[in-house]
C-alpha atoms as a PDB file:
ATOM      1  CA  UNK A   1     189.598 -76.381-128.892  1.00  0.00           C
ATOM      2  CA  UNK A   2     189.194 -78.090-125.873  1.00  0.00           C
ATOM      3  CA  UNK A   3     192.283 -80.134-124.639  1.00  0.00           C
ATOM      4  CA  UNK A   4     192.381 -83.871-123.355  1.00  0.00           C
ATOM      5  CA  UNK A   5     192.940 -82.385-119.598  1.00  0.00           C
ATOM      6  CA  UNK A   6     190.128 -80.068-119.784  1.00  0.00           C
ATOM      7  CA  UNK A   7     188.044 -82.835-120.828  1.00  0.00           C
ATOM      8  CA  UNK A   8     189.230 -85.225-118.029  1.00  0.00           C
ATOM      9  CA  UNK A   9     188.712 -82.045-115.671  1.00  0.00           C
ATOM     10  CA  UNK A  10     184.911 -81.708-116.529  1.00  0.00           C
ATOM     11  CA  UNK A  11     184.517 -85.084-116.220  1.00  0.00           C
ATOM     12  CA  UNK A  12     186.030 -85.186-112.888  1.00  0.00           C
ATOM     13  CA  UNK A  13     183.780 -82.224-111.974  1.00  0.00           C
ATOM     14  CA  UNK A  14     180.531 -83.864-113.073  1.00  0.00           C
ATOM     15  CA  UNK A  15     181.508 -87.344-110.717  1.00  0.00           C
ATOM     16  CA  UNK A  16     182.182 -85.519-107.583  1.00  0.00           C
ATOM     17  CA  UNK A  17     178.887 -83.464-108.075  1.00  0.00           C
ATOM     18  CA  UNK A  18     177.207 -86.875-108.907  1.00  0.00           C
ATOM     19  CA  UNK A  19     179.119 -88.397-105.674  1.00  0.00           C
ATOM     20  CA  UNK A  20     178.322 -85.309-103.430  1.00  0.00           C
ATOM     21  CA  UNK A  21     174.238 -85.725-104.616  1.00  0.00           C
ATOM     22  CA  UNK A  22     174.664 -89.456-103.613  1.00  0.00           C
ATOM     23  CA  UNK A  23     176.283 -88.998-100.368  1.00  0.00           C
ATOM     24  CA  UNK A  24     173.318 -86.059 -99.351  1.00  0.00           C
ATOM     25  CA  UNK A  25     170.770 -88.702 -99.904  1.00  0.00           C
ATOM     26  CA  UNK A  26     172.316 -91.379 -98.036  1.00  0.00           C
ATOM     27  CA  UNK A  27     172.724 -88.958 -95.033  1.00  0.00           C
ATOM     28  CA  UNK A  28     169.127 -87.833 -95.326  1.00  0.00           C
ATOM     29  CA  UNK A  29     168.016 -91.816 -95.322  1.00  0.00           C
ATOM     30  CA  UNK A  30     170.790 -92.338 -92.204  1.00  0.00           C
ATOM     31  CA  UNK A  31     168.903 -89.691 -90.683  1.00  0.00           C
ATOM     32  CA  UNK A  32     165.188 -90.440 -91.108  1.00  0.00           C
ATOM     33  CA  UNK A  33     165.602 -94.197 -89.898  1.00  0.00           C
ATOM     34  CA  UNK A  34     167.245 -93.020 -86.725  1.00  0.00           C
ATOM     35  CA  UNK A  35     164.166 -90.624 -86.217  1.00  0.00           C
ATOM     36  CA  UNK A  36     161.477 -92.794 -86.821  1.00  0.00           C
ATOM     37  CA  UNK A  37     163.507 -95.546 -84.544  1.00  0.00           C
ATOM     38  CA  UNK A  38     163.726 -92.757 -81.732  1.00  0.00           C
ATOM     39  CA  UNK A  39     160.416 -91.724 -82.381  1.00  0.00           C
ATOM     40  CA  UNK A  40     158.931 -95.119 -81.284  1.00  0.00           C
ATOM     41  CA  UNK A  41     160.385 -94.946 -77.820  1.00  0.00           C
ATOM     42  CA  UNK A  42     158.444 -92.252 -76.966  1.00  0.00           C
ATOM     43  CA  UNK A  43     155.438 -92.720 -74.789  1.00  0.00           C
ATOM     44  CA  UNK A  44     151.473 -92.448 -75.694  1.00  0.00           C
ATOM     45  CA  UNK A  45     148.570 -91.581 -73.701  1.00  0.00           C
ATOM     46  CA  UNK A  46     145.714 -93.706 -74.151  1.00  0.00           C
ATOM     47  CA  UNK A  47     142.617 -92.303 -72.495  1.00  0.00           C
ATOM     48  CA  UNK A  48     139.383 -94.829 -72.332  1.00  0.00           C
ATOM     49  CA  UNK A  49     136.536 -94.988 -70.699  1.00  0.00           C
ATOM     50  CA  UNK A  50     137.762 -98.015 -68.168  1.00  0.00           C
ATOM     51  CA  UNK A  51     141.179 -95.587 -67.735  1.00  0.00           C
ATOM     52  CA  UNK A  52     143.992 -93.715 -68.846  1.00  0.00           C
ATOM     53  CA  UNK A  53     147.785 -94.846 -69.229  1.00  0.00           C
ATOM     54  CA  UNK A  54     150.754 -94.611 -71.550  1.00  0.00           C
ATOM     55  CA  UNK A  55     152.474 -97.287 -73.518  1.00  0.00           C
ATOM     56  CA  UNK A  56     155.409 -96.835 -75.943  1.00  0.00           C
ATOM     57  CA  UNK A  57     154.422 -95.735 -79.478  1.00  0.00           C
ATOM     58  CA  UNK A  58     156.351 -99.070 -80.709  1.00  0.00           C
ATOM     59  CA  UNK A  59     154.100-101.011 -78.606  1.00  0.00           C
ATOM     60  CA  UNK A  60     150.906 -99.119 -79.603  1.00  0.00           C
ATOM     61  CA  UNK A  61     149.106-101.625 -81.593  1.00  0.00           C
ATOM     62  CA  UNK A  62     145.309-103.024 -81.364  1.00  0.00           C
ATOM     63  CA  UNK A  63     146.632-106.406 -79.685  1.00  0.00           C
ATOM     64  CA  UNK A  64     149.064-104.647 -77.041  1.00  0.00           C
ATOM     65  CA  UNK A  65     146.618-102.069 -75.968  1.00  0.00           C
ATOM     66  CA  UNK A  66     143.890-104.957 -75.411  1.00  0.00           C
ATOM     67  CA  UNK A  67     146.346-106.840 -73.491  1.00  0.00           C
ATOM     68  CA  UNK A  68     147.022-103.632 -71.331  1.00  0.00           C
ATOM     69  CA  UNK A  69     143.319-102.902 -70.679  1.00  0.00           C
ATOM     70  CA  UNK A  70     142.447-106.484 -70.169  1.00  0.00           C
ATOM     71  CA  UNK A  71     144.977-107.239 -67.514  1.00  0.00           C
ATOM     72  CA  UNK A  72     145.078-103.350 -65.516  1.00  0.00           C
ATOM     73  CA  UNK A  73     141.292-102.684 -65.649  1.00  0.00           C
ATOM     74  CA  UNK A  74     139.562-106.237 -66.151  1.00  0.00           C
ATOM     75  CA  UNK A  75     141.912-108.680 -64.076  1.00  0.00           C
ATOM     76  CA  UNK A  76     143.159-110.553 -67.479  1.00  0.00           C
ATOM     77  CA  UNK A  77     139.342-111.215 -68.466  1.00  0.00           C
ATOM     78  CA  UNK A  78     137.776-110.239 -71.479  1.00  0.00           C
ATOM     79  CA  UNK A  79     137.156-106.791 -72.533  1.00  0.00           C
ATOM     80  CA  UNK A  80     133.782-105.317 -72.893  1.00  0.00           C
ATOM     81  CA  UNK A  81     132.488-104.574 -76.750  1.00  0.00           C
ATOM     82  CA  UNK A  82     132.292-100.658 -75.910  1.00  0.00           C
ATOM     83  CA  UNK A  83     136.088-100.494 -74.606  1.00  0.00           C
ATOM     84  CA  UNK A  84     137.188-102.885 -77.435  1.00  0.00           C
ATOM     85  CA  UNK A  85     135.323-100.063 -80.207  1.00  0.00           C
ATOM     86  CA  UNK A  86     137.164 -97.763 -78.116  1.00  0.00           C
ATOM     87  CA  UNK A  87     140.618 -99.456 -78.347  1.00  0.00           C
ATOM     88  CA  UNK A  88     139.625 -99.847 -82.429  1.00  0.00           C
ATOM     89  CA  UNK A  89     138.882 -96.495 -83.018  1.00  0.00           C
ATOM     90  CA  UNK A  90     141.986 -95.338 -81.071  1.00  0.00           C
ATOM     91  CA  UNK A  91     144.646 -97.668 -83.138  1.00  0.00           C
ATOM     92  CA  UNK A  92     143.479 -98.464 -86.434  1.00  0.00           C
ATOM     93  CA  UNK A  93     144.722 -96.291 -89.192  1.00  0.00           C
ATOM     94  CA  UNK A  94     142.584 -94.018 -91.572  1.00  0.00           C
ATOM     95  CA  UNK A  95     140.949 -95.406 -94.712  1.00  0.00           C
ATOM     96  CA  UNK A  96     140.098 -93.306 -97.455  1.00  0.00           C
ATOM     97  CA  UNK A  97     136.370 -94.466 -98.996  1.00  0.00           C
ATOM     98  CA  UNK A  98     136.017 -94.582-102.731  1.00  0.00           C
END
């Protein structure tokens, strides 16, 4: 026959295991957020026909890359269509055809 105290101890053991699992998942989530934030600080090399430069990963968007190219290589003017196409190929995400 199981005593009252054995039941309490078994319940407490299962509670501790549950809390440990939740704490482990929280630590993994914190590490992942930290990793993604730190990764955005690294530099990314952009190689285009008009020139090569580095830009931080967090600023690697179509708009920012176009602005940098316009300012550095075209004096703030319009970016030619062929260079714009290169920028789009470099920055656009992959898509799956259906």
